[in-house]
């Protein structure tokens, strides 16, 4: 997966995290998404995944969000990693992409 293919999606994920806007990120969710928040994992519908993420972003407000560079030998990347920094703690946000038909969507989001 090439970076330019994900360009707009990457920007929307970054802004969604920075602004605390789950709807912005959920626009790219697959029909079902694996969501992990700390040690709690579930497989949810697109709507349920948005609600879980919305609650997290309501509880934790970002003071800064940084995209962590991803390097692979093949040059193909089907995930992105972000540092989600709040006033009290830092989380690692892992977003994995999946292909559904001709679309690239978010199939997993982990916040640890």
Protein backbone atom coordinates (compact mmCIF):
# COMPACT_ATOMS: atom_id res chain seq x y z
CA UNK A 1 0.00 0.00 0.00
CA UNK A 2 1.52 3.29 -1.01
CA UNK A 3 1.38 6.47 1.01
CA UNK A 4 -0.22 8.54 -1.77
CA UNK A 5 -3.14 6.08 -1.92
CA UNK A 6 -3.81 6.82 1.75
CA UNK A 7 -3.08 10.56 1.57
CA UNK A 8 -6.51 12.02 2.34
CA UNK A 9 -7.37 9.20 4.73
CA UNK A 10 -4.14 9.70 6.68
CA UNK A 11 -4.86 13.43 6.99
CA UNK A 12 -8.43 12.75 8.17
CA UNK A 13 -7.23 10.21 10.77
CA UNK A 14 -4.62 12.68 12.05
CA UNK A 15 -7.14 15.53 12.24
CA UNK A 16 -9.78 13.29 13.82
CA UNK A 17 -7.36 12.32 16.59
CA UNK A 18 -6.12 15.89 17.05
CA UNK A 19 -9.63 17.40 17.15
CA UNK A 20 -11.25 14.54 19.08
CA UNK A 21 -13.60 13.92 16.15
CA UNK A 22 -14.45 10.21 15.92
CA UNK A 23 -16.85 10.77 13.01
CA UNK A 24 -13.97 12.01 10.87
CA UNK A 25 -12.10 8.72 11.42
CA UNK A 26 -15.19 6.49 11.29
CA UNK A 27 -15.89 7.67 7.75
CA UNK A 28 -13.11 5.24 6.76
CA UNK A 29 -14.13 2.29 8.93
CA UNK A 30 -14.87 -1.06 7.29
CA UNK A 31 -18.28 -2.62 8.01
CA UNK A 32 -16.73 -4.39 11.02
CA UNK A 33 -13.68 -3.15 12.92
CA UNK A 34 -11.44 -4.72 15.54
CA UNK A 35 -11.10 -2.13 18.31
CA UNK A 36 -8.66 -2.37 21.21
CA UNK A 37 -8.65 0.23 23.97
CA UNK A 38 -5.89 -0.48 26.45
CA UNK A 39 -6.54 -4.18 27.27
CA UNK A 40 -10.15 -4.40 26.10
CA UNK A 41 -10.65 -5.79 22.58
CA UNK A 42 -13.85 -6.19 20.60
CA UNK A 43 -15.05 -6.71 17.06
CA UNK A 44 -17.73 -4.11 16.38
CA UNK A 45 -19.95 -2.82 13.62
CA UNK A 46 -18.92 0.45 12.00
CA UNK A 47 -21.41 2.39 14.14
CA UNK A 48 -20.40 0.68 17.41
CA UNK A 49 -16.72 1.24 16.61
CA UNK A 50 -17.40 4.94 16.13
CA UNK A 51 -19.18 5.12 19.50
CA UNK A 52 -16.29 3.35 21.31
CA UNK A 53 -13.75 5.70 19.70
CA UNK A 54 -15.95 8.72 20.42
CA UNK A 55 -16.05 7.84 24.12
CA UNK A 56 -12.26 7.46 24.23
CA UNK A 57 -11.73 10.81 22.49
CA UNK A 58 -14.21 12.46 24.84
CA UNK A 59 -12.34 11.09 27.86
CA UNK A 60 -8.83 11.84 26.56
CA UNK A 61 -8.15 15.10 24.73
CA UNK A 62 -5.03 15.30 22.61
CA UNK A 63 -2.55 18.06 23.27
CA UNK A 64 -0.43 16.72 20.42
CA UNK A 65 -0.61 13.97 17.80
CA UNK A 66 2.44 12.70 15.93
CA UNK A 67 2.57 10.21 13.10
CA UNK A 68 5.31 7.67 13.75
CA UNK A 69 7.30 6.88 10.59
CA UNK A 70 6.74 3.38 9.23
CA UNK A 71 9.49 1.58 7.36
CA UNK A 72 9.24 -1.80 5.70
CA UNK A 73 11.57 -3.68 3.40
CA UNK A 74 8.90 -4.20 0.74
CA UNK A 75 7.78 -0.58 0.76
CA UNK A 76 4.18 -1.70 1.24
CA UNK A 77 2.48 -0.45 4.37
CA UNK A 78 -0.98 -1.49 5.45
CA UNK A 79 -0.89 0.33 8.76
CA UNK A 80 -0.03 3.65 10.40
CA UNK A 81 1.05 4.43 13.94
CA UNK A 82 0.46 7.65 15.85
CA UNK A 83 1.49 9.02 19.23
CA UNK A 84 -1.59 10.43 20.94
CA UNK A 85 -0.34 12.76 23.67
CA UNK A 86 -2.63 14.09 26.39
CA UNK A 87 -1.83 16.29 29.40
CA UNK A 88 -1.52 13.20 31.61
CA UNK A 89 -0.35 10.32 29.40
CA UNK A 90 0.73 9.18 25.96
CA UNK A 91 -0.99 6.48 23.92
CA UNK A 92 0.14 4.61 20.84
CA UNK A 93 -2.56 4.45 18.19
CA UNK A 94 -2.19 1.69 15.62
CA UNK A 95 -4.44 1.78 12.54
CA UNK A 96 -4.49 -1.19 10.14
CA UNK A 97 -6.05 -0.89 6.71
CA UNK A 98 -8.02 -3.55 4.88
CA UNK A 99 -9.22 -3.76 1.30
CA UNK A 100 -12.93 -4.24 0.71
CA UNK A 101 -13.64 -4.51 -2.98
CA UNK A 102 -11.85 -1.56 -4.55
CA UNK A 103 -11.80 0.50 -1.33
CA UNK A 104 -9.13 0.81 1.34
CA UNK A 105 -10.76 1.07 4.77
CA UNK A 106 -9.79 0.86 8.43
CA UNK A 107 -10.10 -2.74 9.63
CA UNK A 108 -8.45 -2.35 13.04
CA UNK A 109 -7.67 0.40 15.50
CA UNK A 110 -5.66 -0.20 18.67
CA UNK A 111 -5.03 2.37 21.36
CA UNK A 112 -2.50 1.28 23.95
